[in-house]
Amino acid sequence: MTPSELLLEGVELMLFGLGSVFVFLVLLIVCIRLMSSVIGRFDSAPLAQPASVKPAAVAAEMDADLFAAIQAAIHQHRARRG
């Protein structure tokens, strides 16, 4: 084979590979959109409602408990490390 024939065969193989990848990706996008629409039709769960605002006292108490837990975890970690 001459170098020009080898080059043409390489280009042909490259185009075939790129084309097959492009077709696969297009089919993947179509399938994902189709599944999304099917799931959207049959999904009867209501959309999540925003959580209600907690009173400041409850939030402060939770923050204090969380802060104490974090401090205990840090203390335990440092004690193990030595």
C-alpha atoms as a PDB file:
ATOM      1  CA  MET A   1       0.000   0.000   0.000  1.00  0.00           C
ATOM      2  CA  THR A   2       1.158   3.469  -0.758  1.00  0.00           C
ATOM      3  CA  PRO A   3       1.291   6.138   1.918  1.00  0.00           C
ATOM      4  CA  SER A   4      -1.628   7.995   0.364  1.00  0.00           C
ATOM      5  CA  GLU A   5      -3.806   4.854   0.506  1.00  0.00           C
ATOM      6  CA  LEU A   6      -2.851   4.324   4.136  1.00  0.00           C
ATOM      7  CA  LEU A   7      -3.718   7.927   4.910  1.00  0.00           C
ATOM      8  CA  LEU A   8      -7.104   7.640   3.209  1.00  0.00           C
ATOM      9  CA  GLU A   9      -7.842   4.408   5.073  1.00  0.00           C
ATOM     10  CA  GLY A  10      -6.908   6.091   8.357  1.00  0.00           C
ATOM     11  CA  VAL A  11      -9.183   9.048   7.635  1.00  0.00           C
ATOM     12  CA  GLU A  12     -12.006   6.673   6.691  1.00  0.00           C
ATOM     13  CA  LEU A  13     -11.564   4.729   9.926  1.00  0.00           C
ATOM     14  CA  MET A  14     -11.462   7.969  11.937  1.00  0.00           C
ATOM     15  CA  LEU A  15     -14.677   9.244  10.332  1.00  0.00           C
ATOM     16  CA  PHE A  16     -16.395   5.905  10.939  1.00  0.00           C
ATOM     17  CA  GLY A  17     -15.361   5.996  14.615  1.00  0.00           C
ATOM     18  CA  LEU A  18     -16.425   9.614  15.104  1.00  0.00           C
ATOM     19  CA  GLY A  19     -19.717   8.961  13.348  1.00  0.00           C
ATOM     20  CA  SER A  20     -20.524   5.936  15.473  1.00  0.00           C
ATOM     21  CA  VAL A  21     -19.765   7.857  18.679  1.00  0.00           C
ATOM     22  CA  PHE A  22     -21.937  10.763  17.515  1.00  0.00           C
ATOM     23  CA  VAL A  23     -24.844   8.446  16.677  1.00  0.00           C
ATOM     24  CA  PHE A  24     -24.507   6.706  20.046  1.00  0.00           C
ATOM     25  CA  LEU A  25     -24.553  10.001  21.941  1.00  0.00           C
ATOM     26  CA  VAL A  26     -27.591  11.257  20.013  1.00  0.00           C
ATOM     27  CA  LEU A  27     -29.442   8.004  20.784  1.00  0.00           C
ATOM     28  CA  LEU A  28     -28.443   8.309  24.442  1.00  0.00           C
ATOM     29  CA  ILE A  29     -29.837  11.850  24.646  1.00  0.00           C
ATOM     30  CA  VAL A  30     -33.076  10.783  22.957  1.00  0.00           C
ATOM     31  CA  CYS A  31     -33.486   7.841  25.355  1.00  0.00           C
ATOM     32  CA  ILE A  32     -32.826  10.011  28.414  1.00  0.00           C
ATOM     33  CA  ARG A  33     -35.378  12.614  27.305  1.00  0.00           C
ATOM     34  CA  LEU A  34     -37.925   9.898  26.535  1.00  0.00           C
ATOM     35  CA  MET A  35     -37.443   8.282  29.939  1.00  0.00           C
ATOM     36  CA  SER A  36     -37.710  11.675  31.609  1.00  0.00           C
ATOM     37  CA  SER A  37     -41.024  12.399  29.935  1.00  0.00           C
ATOM     38  CA  VAL A  38     -42.401   8.930  30.766  1.00  0.00           C
ATOM     39  CA  ILE A  39     -41.362   9.233  34.406  1.00  0.00           C
ATOM     40  CA  GLY A  40     -42.808  12.758  34.543  1.00  0.00           C
ATOM     41  CA  ARG A  41     -46.199  11.498  33.369  1.00  0.00           C
ATOM     42  CA  PHE A  42     -46.444   8.610  35.813  1.00  0.00           C
ATOM     43  CA  ASP A  43     -44.880  10.356  38.791  1.00  0.00           C
ATOM     44  CA  SER A  44     -47.748  11.446  41.011  1.00  0.00           C
ATOM     45  CA  ALA A  45     -45.652  12.654  43.940  1.00  0.00           C
ATOM     46  CA  PRO A  46     -46.208  16.343  44.683  1.00  0.00           C
ATOM     47  CA  LEU A  47     -43.305  18.706  44.469  1.00  0.00           C
ATOM     48  CA  ALA A  48     -41.414  19.292  47.686  1.00  0.00           C
ATOM     49  CA  GLN A  49     -42.703  22.261  49.642  1.00  0.00           C
ATOM     50  CA  PRO A  50     -40.199  24.622  51.243  1.00  0.00           C
ATOM     51  CA  ALA A  51     -39.526  23.855  54.882  1.00  0.00           C
ATOM     52  CA  SER A  52     -41.173  26.104  57.421  1.00  0.00           C
ATOM     53  CA  VAL A  53     -38.986  28.604  59.218  1.00  0.00           C
ATOM     54  CA  LYS A  54     -37.953  27.400  62.664  1.00  0.00           C
ATOM     55  CA  PRO A  55     -38.265  29.711  65.649  1.00  0.00           C
ATOM     56  CA  ALA A  56     -35.020  31.297  66.750  1.00  0.00           C
ATOM     57  CA  ALA A  57     -35.026  29.527  70.142  1.00  0.00           C
ATOM     58  CA  VAL A  58     -35.241  26.072  68.553  1.00  0.00           C
ATOM     59  CA  ALA A  59     -32.560  26.960  66.024  1.00  0.00           C
ATOM     60  CA  ALA A  60     -30.270  28.285  68.779  1.00  0.00           C
ATOM     61  CA  GLU A  61     -30.789  25.120  70.849  1.00  0.00           C
ATOM     62  CA  MET A  62     -29.974  22.940  67.867  1.00  0.00           C
ATOM     63  CA  ASP A  63     -26.926  25.052  67.119  1.00  0.00           C
ATOM     64  CA  ALA A  64     -25.721  24.676  70.717  1.00  0.00           C
ATOM     65  CA  ASP A  65     -26.171  20.894  70.572  1.00  0.00           C
ATOM     66  CA  LEU A  66     -24.430  20.722  67.223  1.00  0.00           C
ATOM     67  CA  PHE A  67     -21.591  22.894  68.474  1.00  0.00           C
ATOM     68  CA  ALA A  68     -21.124  20.649  71.529  1.00  0.00           C
ATOM     69  CA  ALA A  69     -21.090  17.530  69.361  1.00  0.00           C
ATOM     70  CA  ILE A  70     -18.498  19.049  67.032  1.00  0.00           C
ATOM     71  CA  GLN A  71     -16.317  20.062  69.975  1.00  0.00           C
ATOM     72  CA  ALA A  72     -16.516  16.555  71.442  1.00  0.00           C
ATOM     73  CA  ALA A  73     -15.588  15.006  68.086  1.00  0.00           C
ATOM     74  CA  ILE A  74     -12.583  17.319  67.688  1.00  0.00           C
ATOM     75  CA  HIS A  75     -11.447  16.603  71.238  1.00  0.00           C
ATOM     76  CA  GLN A  76     -11.753  12.842  70.665  1.00  0.00           C
ATOM     77  CA  HIS A  77      -9.833  13.071  67.385  1.00  0.00           C
ATOM     78  CA  ARG A  78      -7.003  15.049  68.930  1.00  0.00           C
ATOM     79  CA  ALA A  79      -6.827  12.680  71.893  1.00  0.00           C
ATOM     80  CA  ARG A  80      -6.417   9.705  69.570  1.00  0.00           C
ATOM     81  CA  ARG A  81      -3.743  11.397  67.470  1.00  0.00           C
ATOM     82  CA  GLY A  82      -1.660  12.106  70.508  1.00  0.00           C
END
